[in-house]
Amino acid sequence: MNMNPNSSPIAVLSDAECWEHLSTQRVGRLVTRVGDVVDIVPINFVVDGNTVVFRTAPAASSAS
């Protein structure tokens, strides 16, 4: 990723670059939308290969 101050603030990343960057993080946000209701909740996660893994409680809205 090129962060040159003279370059565009938007960078196009390859799939590999996306997974590499995501794997350096441990906290994110999960966004769900049902009809007009949008929920945004923080989650702890890990990257396992090309999969994002997180755990929920059985009653959590993200578990369904």
PDB file of N, CA and C in Angstrom:
ATOM      1  N   MET A   1       0.844  -1.168   0.000  1.00  0.00           N
ATOM      2  CA  MET A   1       0.000   0.000   0.000  1.00  0.00           C
ATOM      3  C   MET A   1       0.894   1.237   0.000  1.00  0.00           C
ATOM      4  N   ASN A   2       0.647   2.143  -0.913  1.00  0.00           N
ATOM      5  CA  ASN A   2       1.429   3.358  -1.052  1.00  0.00           C
ATOM      6  C   ASN A   2       0.786   4.483  -0.253  1.00  0.00           C
ATOM      7  N   MET A   3       1.490   5.024   0.742  1.00  0.00           N
ATOM      8  CA  MET A   3       0.956   6.110   1.560  1.00  0.00           C
ATOM      9  C   MET A   3       1.671   7.422   1.251  1.00  0.00           C
ATOM     10  N   ASN A   4       2.099   7.590   0.023  1.00  0.00           N
ATOM     11  CA  ASN A   4       2.735   8.822  -0.418  1.00  0.00           C
ATOM     12  C   ASN A   4       1.756   9.979  -0.241  1.00  0.00           C
ATOM     13  N   PRO A   5       2.161  11.111   0.376  1.00  0.00           N
ATOM     14  CA  PRO A   5       1.241  12.238   0.589  1.00  0.00           C
ATOM     15  C   PRO A   5       0.688  12.814  -0.718  1.00  0.00           C
ATOM     16  N   ASN A   6       1.355  12.561  -1.829  1.00  0.00           N
ATOM     17  CA  ASN A   6       0.882  13.066  -3.107  1.00  0.00           C
ATOM     18  C   ASN A   6      -0.065  12.101  -3.813  1.00  0.00           C
ATOM     19  N   SER A   7      -0.308  10.961  -3.213  1.00  0.00           N
ATOM     20  CA  SER A   7      -1.174   9.962  -3.836  1.00  0.00           C
ATOM     21  C   SER A   7      -2.607  10.104  -3.329  1.00  0.00           C
ATOM     22  N   SER A   8      -3.493   9.379  -3.952  1.00  0.00           N
ATOM     23  CA  SER A   8      -4.898   9.385  -3.568  1.00  0.00           C
ATOM     24  C   SER A   8      -5.061   8.810  -2.154  1.00  0.00           C
ATOM     25  N   PRO A   9      -6.026   9.327  -1.371  1.00  0.00           N
ATOM     26  CA  PRO A   9      -6.245   8.775  -0.030  1.00  0.00           C
ATOM     27  C   PRO A   9      -6.913   7.401  -0.059  1.00  0.00           C
ATOM     28  N   ILE A  10      -7.336   6.967  -1.232  1.00  0.00           N
ATOM     29  CA  ILE A  10      -7.961   5.658  -1.385  1.00  0.00           C
ATOM     30  C   ILE A  10      -6.980   4.735  -2.089  1.00  0.00           C
ATOM     31  N   ALA A  11      -6.734   3.581  -1.493  1.00  0.00           N
ATOM     32  CA  ALA A  11      -5.809   2.619  -2.081  1.00  0.00           C
ATOM     33  C   ALA A  11      -6.565   1.348  -2.444  1.00  0.00           C
ATOM     34  N   VAL A  12      -6.266   0.800  -3.582  1.00  0.00           N
ATOM     35  CA  VAL A  12      -6.834  -0.477  -3.988  1.00  0.00           C
ATOM     36  C   VAL A  12      -5.884  -1.564  -3.509  1.00  0.00           C
ATOM     37  N   LEU A  13      -6.415  -2.473  -2.670  1.00  0.00           N
ATOM     38  CA  LEU A  13      -5.607  -3.549  -2.105  1.00  0.00           C
ATOM     39  C   LEU A  13      -5.949  -4.866  -2.781  1.00  0.00           C
ATOM     40  N   SER A  14      -4.973  -5.719  -2.888  1.00  0.00           N
ATOM     41  CA  SER A  14      -5.229  -7.072  -3.373  1.00  0.00           C
ATOM     42  C   SER A  14      -5.911  -7.855  -2.252  1.00  0.00           C
ATOM     43  N   ASP A  15      -6.470  -9.016  -2.591  1.00  0.00           N
ATOM     44  CA  ASP A  15      -7.059  -9.866  -1.554  1.00  0.00           C
ATOM     45  C   ASP A  15      -6.026 -10.206  -0.487  1.00  0.00           C
ATOM     46  N   ALA A  16      -4.824 -10.542  -0.914  1.00  0.00           N
ATOM     47  CA  ALA A  16      -3.763 -10.908   0.035  1.00  0.00           C
ATOM     48  C   ALA A  16      -3.424  -9.745   0.959  1.00  0.00           C
ATOM     49  N   GLU A  17      -3.355  -8.535   0.414  1.00  0.00           N
ATOM     50  CA  GLU A  17      -3.062  -7.354   1.240  1.00  0.00           C
ATOM     51  C   GLU A  17      -4.190  -7.099   2.245  1.00  0.00           C
ATOM     52  N   CYS A  18      -5.435  -7.311   1.829  1.00  0.00           N
ATOM     53  CA  CYS A  18      -6.572  -7.143   2.744  1.00  0.00           C
ATOM     54  C   CYS A  18      -6.477  -8.114   3.909  1.00  0.00           C
ATOM     55  N   TRP A  19      -6.254  -9.403   3.599  1.00  0.00           N
ATOM     56  CA  TRP A  19      -6.153 -10.410   4.662  1.00  0.00           C
ATOM     57  C   TRP A  19      -4.955 -10.138   5.566  1.00  0.00           C
ATOM     58  N   GLU A  20      -3.834  -9.707   4.982  1.00  0.00           N
ATOM     59  CA  GLU A  20      -2.638  -9.398   5.778  1.00  0.00           C
ATOM     60  C   GLU A  20      -2.938  -8.266   6.754  1.00  0.00           C
ATOM     61  N   HIS A  21      -3.569  -7.202   6.273  1.00  0.00           N
ATOM     62  CA  HIS A  21      -3.895  -6.069   7.148  1.00  0.00           C
ATOM     63  C   HIS A  21      -4.907  -6.484   8.214  1.00  0.00           C
ATOM     64  N   LEU A  22      -5.947  -7.205   7.811  1.00  0.00           N
ATOM     65  CA  LEU A  22      -6.973  -7.623   8.751  1.00  0.00           C
ATOM     66  C   LEU A  22      -6.395  -8.514   9.846  1.00  0.00           C
ATOM     67  N   SER A  23      -5.416  -9.340   9.501  1.00  0.00           N
ATOM     68  CA  SER A  23      -4.832 -10.260  10.485  1.00  0.00           C
ATOM     69  C   SER A  23      -4.012  -9.543  11.551  1.00  0.00           C
ATOM     70  N   THR A  24      -3.700  -8.260  11.357  1.00  0.00           N
ATOM     71  CA  THR A  24      -2.962  -7.497  12.372  1.00  0.00           C
ATOM     72  C   THR A  24      -3.894  -6.862  13.396  1.00  0.00           C
ATOM     73  N   GLN A  25      -5.198  -6.995  13.187  1.00  0.00           N
ATOM     74  CA  GLN A  25      -6.185  -6.384  14.075  1.00  0.00           C
ATOM     75  C   GLN A  25      -6.824  -7.446  14.953  1.00  0.00           C
ATOM     76  N   ARG A  26      -7.394  -7.034  16.075  1.00  0.00           N
ATOM     77  CA  ARG A  26      -8.066  -7.968  16.976  1.00  0.00           C
ATOM     78  C   ARG A  26      -9.471  -7.503  17.349  1.00  0.00           C
ATOM     79  N   VAL A  27      -9.789  -6.253  17.077  1.00  0.00           N
ATOM     80  CA  VAL A  27     -11.104  -5.707  17.399  1.00  0.00           C
ATOM     81  C   VAL A  27     -11.682  -5.090  16.146  1.00  0.00           C
ATOM     82  N   GLY A  28     -12.961  -5.350  15.919  1.00  0.00           N
ATOM     83  CA  GLY A  28     -13.637  -4.772  14.764  1.00  0.00           C
ATOM     84  C   GLY A  28     -15.079  -4.479  15.109  1.00  0.00           C
ATOM     85  N   ARG A  29     -15.866  -4.218  14.088  1.00  0.00           N
ATOM     86  CA  ARG A  29     -17.290  -3.954  14.270  1.00  0.00           C
ATOM     87  C   ARG A  29     -18.082  -4.866  13.348  1.00  0.00           C
ATOM     88  N   LEU A  30     -19.134  -5.426  13.884  1.00  0.00           N
ATOM     89  CA  LEU A  30     -20.043  -6.243  13.097  1.00  0.00           C
ATOM     90  C   LEU A  30     -21.308  -5.418  12.866  1.00  0.00           C
ATOM     91  N   VAL A  31     -21.692  -5.279  11.623  1.00  0.00           N
ATOM     92  CA  VAL A  31     -22.875  -4.497  11.271  1.00  0.00           C
ATOM     93  C   VAL A  31     -23.929  -5.431  10.706  1.00  0.00           C
ATOM     94  N   THR A  32     -25.131  -5.352  11.259  1.00  0.00           N
ATOM     95  CA  THR A  32     -26.257  -6.123  10.728  1.00  0.00           C
ATOM     96  C   THR A  32     -27.406  -5.158  10.458  1.00  0.00           C
ATOM     97  N   ARG A  33     -28.214  -5.520   9.480  1.00  0.00           N
ATOM     98  CA  ARG A  33     -29.380  -4.704   9.151  1.00  0.00           C
ATOM     99  C   ARG A  33     -30.576  -5.627   8.940  1.00  0.00           C
ATOM    100  N   VAL A  34     -31.639  -5.333   9.658  1.00  0.00           N
ATOM    101  CA  VAL A  34     -32.898  -6.045   9.482  1.00  0.00           C
ATOM    102  C   VAL A  34     -33.953  -4.977   9.234  1.00  0.00           C
ATOM    103  N   GLY A  35     -34.456  -4.908   8.000  1.00  0.00           N
ATOM    104  CA  GLY A  35     -35.396  -3.843   7.646  1.00  0.00           C
ATOM    105  C   GLY A  35     -34.711  -2.502   7.768  1.00  0.00           C
ATOM    106  N   ASP A  36     -35.283  -1.627   8.564  1.00  0.00           N
ATOM    107  CA  ASP A  36     -34.714  -0.291   8.768  1.00  0.00           C
ATOM    108  C   ASP A  36     -33.835  -0.205  10.012  1.00  0.00           C
ATOM    109  N   VAL A  37     -33.644  -1.329  10.708  1.00  0.00           N
ATOM    110  CA  VAL A  37     -32.869  -1.326  11.943  1.00  0.00           C
ATOM    111  C   VAL A  37     -31.436  -1.771  11.659  1.00  0.00           C
ATOM    112  N   VAL A  38     -30.490  -0.903  11.971  1.00  0.00           N
ATOM    113  CA  VAL A  38     -29.070  -1.197  11.797  1.00  0.00           C
ATOM    114  C   VAL A  38     -28.436  -1.317  13.176  1.00  0.00           C
ATOM    115  N   ASP A  39     -27.742  -2.410  13.413  1.00  0.00           N
ATOM    116  CA  ASP A  39     -27.000  -2.622  14.662  1.00  0.00           C
ATOM    117  C   ASP A  39     -25.517  -2.690  14.344  1.00  0.00           C
ATOM    118  N   ILE A  40     -24.727  -1.972  15.134  1.00  0.00           N
ATOM    119  CA  ILE A  40     -23.266  -2.000  15.005  1.00  0.00           C
ATOM    120  C   ILE A  40     -22.717  -2.343  16.383  1.00  0.00           C
ATOM    121  N   VAL A  41     -22.005  -3.477  16.456  1.00  0.00           N
ATOM    122  CA  VAL A  41     -21.468  -3.911  17.745  1.00  0.00           C
ATOM    123  C   VAL A  41     -19.973  -4.213  17.613  1.00  0.00           C
ATOM    124  N   PRO A  42     -19.202  -3.880  18.648  1.00  0.00           N
ATOM    125  CA  PRO A  42     -17.780  -4.232  18.615  1.00  0.00           C
ATOM    126  C   PRO A  42     -17.610  -5.730  18.825  1.00  0.00           C
ATOM    127  N   ILE A  43     -16.622  -6.303  18.159  1.00  0.00           N
ATOM    128  CA  ILE A  43     -16.325  -7.729  18.334  1.00  0.00           C
ATOM    129  C   ILE A  43     -14.822  -7.929  18.417  1.00  0.00           C
ATOM    130  N   ASN A  44     -14.425  -8.954  19.157  1.00  0.00           N
ATOM    131  CA  ASN A  44     -13.048  -9.448  19.133  1.00  0.00           C
ATOM    132  C   ASN A  44     -13.023 -10.567  18.108  1.00  0.00           C
ATOM    133  N   PHE A  45     -11.988 -10.611  17.296  1.00  0.00           N
ATOM    134  CA  PHE A  45     -11.939 -11.631  16.252  1.00  0.00           C
ATOM    135  C   PHE A  45     -10.506 -12.038  15.977  1.00  0.00           C
ATOM    136  N   VAL A  46     -10.348 -13.150  15.281  1.00  0.00           N
ATOM    137  CA  VAL A  46      -9.062 -13.588  14.764  1.00  0.00           C
ATOM    138  C   VAL A  46      -9.250 -13.983  13.310  1.00  0.00           C
ATOM    139  N   VAL A  47      -8.177 -13.940  12.558  1.00  0.00           N
ATOM    140  CA  VAL A  47      -8.194 -14.392  11.172  1.00  0.00           C
ATOM    141  C   VAL A  47      -7.579 -15.779  11.142  1.00  0.00           C
ATOM    142  N   ASP A  48      -8.291 -16.715  10.523  1.00  0.00           N
ATOM    143  CA  ASP A  48      -7.822 -18.094  10.375  1.00  0.00           C
ATOM    144  C   ASP A  48      -7.821 -18.394   8.878  1.00  0.00           C
ATOM    145  N   GLY A  49      -6.648 -18.260   8.258  1.00  0.00           N
ATOM    146  CA  GLY A  49      -6.571 -18.401   6.801  1.00  0.00           C
ATOM    147  C   GLY A  49      -7.302 -17.253   6.144  1.00  0.00           C
ATOM    148  N   ASN A  50      -8.333 -17.568   5.369  1.00  0.00           N
ATOM    149  CA  ASN A  50      -9.160 -16.530   4.737  1.00  0.00           C
ATOM    150  C   ASN A  50     -10.548 -16.507   5.366  1.00  0.00           C
ATOM    151  N   THR A  51     -10.580 -16.652   6.699  1.00  0.00           N
ATOM    152  CA  THR A  51     -11.833 -16.646   7.434  1.00  0.00           C
ATOM    153  C   THR A  51     -11.686 -15.759   8.662  1.00  0.00           C
ATOM    154  N   VAL A  52     -12.704 -14.940   8.939  1.00  0.00           N
ATOM    155  CA  VAL A  52     -12.759 -14.159  10.171  1.00  0.00           C
ATOM    156  C   VAL A  52     -13.585 -14.969  11.163  1.00  0.00           C
ATOM    157  N   VAL A  53     -13.018 -15.226  12.350  1.00  0.00           N
ATOM    158  CA  VAL A  53     -13.670 -16.051  13.360  1.00  0.00           C
ATOM    159  C   VAL A  53     -13.949 -15.195  14.589  1.00  0.00           C
ATOM    160  N   PHE A  54     -15.218 -15.261  15.058  1.00  0.00           N
ATOM    161  CA  PHE A  54     -15.562 -14.599  16.309  1.00  0.00           C
ATOM    162  C   PHE A  54     -16.591 -15.451  17.042  1.00  0.00           C
ATOM    163  N   ARG A  55     -16.689 -15.246  18.333  1.00  0.00           N
ATOM    164  CA  ARG A  55     -17.578 -16.051  19.177  1.00  0.00           C
ATOM    165  C   ARG A  55     -18.717 -15.173  19.678  1.00  0.00           C
ATOM    166  N   THR A  56     -19.896 -15.755  19.771  1.00  0.00           N
ATOM    167  CA  THR A  56     -21.048 -15.017  20.305  1.00  0.00           C
ATOM    168  C   THR A  56     -21.736 -15.855  21.368  1.00  0.00           C
ATOM    169  N   ALA A  57     -22.559 -15.194  22.149  1.00  0.00           N
ATOM    170  CA  ALA A  57     -23.428 -15.890  23.105  1.00  0.00           C
ATOM    171  C   ALA A  57     -24.634 -16.410  22.334  1.00  0.00           C
ATOM    172  N   PRO A  58     -25.228 -17.520  22.773  1.00  0.00           N
ATOM    173  CA  PRO A  58     -26.373 -18.086  22.055  1.00  0.00           C
ATOM    174  C   PRO A  58     -27.523 -17.097  21.844  1.00  0.00           C
ATOM    175  N   ALA A  59     -27.747 -16.172  22.756  1.00  0.00           N
ATOM    176  CA  ALA A  59     -28.864 -15.233  22.641  1.00  0.00           C
ATOM    177  C   ALA A  59     -28.500 -13.962  21.871  1.00  0.00           C
ATOM    178  N   ALA A  60     -27.253 -13.806  21.478  1.00  0.00           N
ATOM    179  CA  ALA A  60     -26.816 -12.589  20.786  1.00  0.00           C
ATOM    180  C   ALA A  60     -27.437 -12.509  19.401  1.00  0.00           C
ATOM    181  N   SER A  61     -27.715 -11.293  18.946  1.00  0.00           N
ATOM    182  CA  SER A  61     -28.329 -11.119  17.622  1.00  0.00           C
ATOM    183  C   SER A  61     -27.428 -11.624  16.517  1.00  0.00           C
ATOM    184  N   SER A  62     -26.118 -11.601  16.706  1.00  0.00           N
ATOM    185  CA  SER A  62     -25.200 -12.086  15.666  1.00  0.00           C
ATOM    186  C   SER A  62     -25.127 -13.606  15.614  1.00  0.00           C
ATOM    187  N   ALA A  63     -25.691 -14.286  16.606  1.00  0.00           N
ATOM    188  CA  ALA A  63     -25.658 -15.751  16.631  1.00  0.00           C
ATOM    189  C   ALA A  63     -26.689 -16.368  15.696  1.00  0.00           C
ATOM    190  N   SER A  64     -27.670 -15.595  15.298  1.00  0.00           N
ATOM    191  CA  SER A  64     -28.710 -16.160  14.437  1.00  0.00           C
ATOM    192  C   SER A  64     -28.401 -16.016  12.965  1.00  0.00           C
TER     193      SER A  64
END
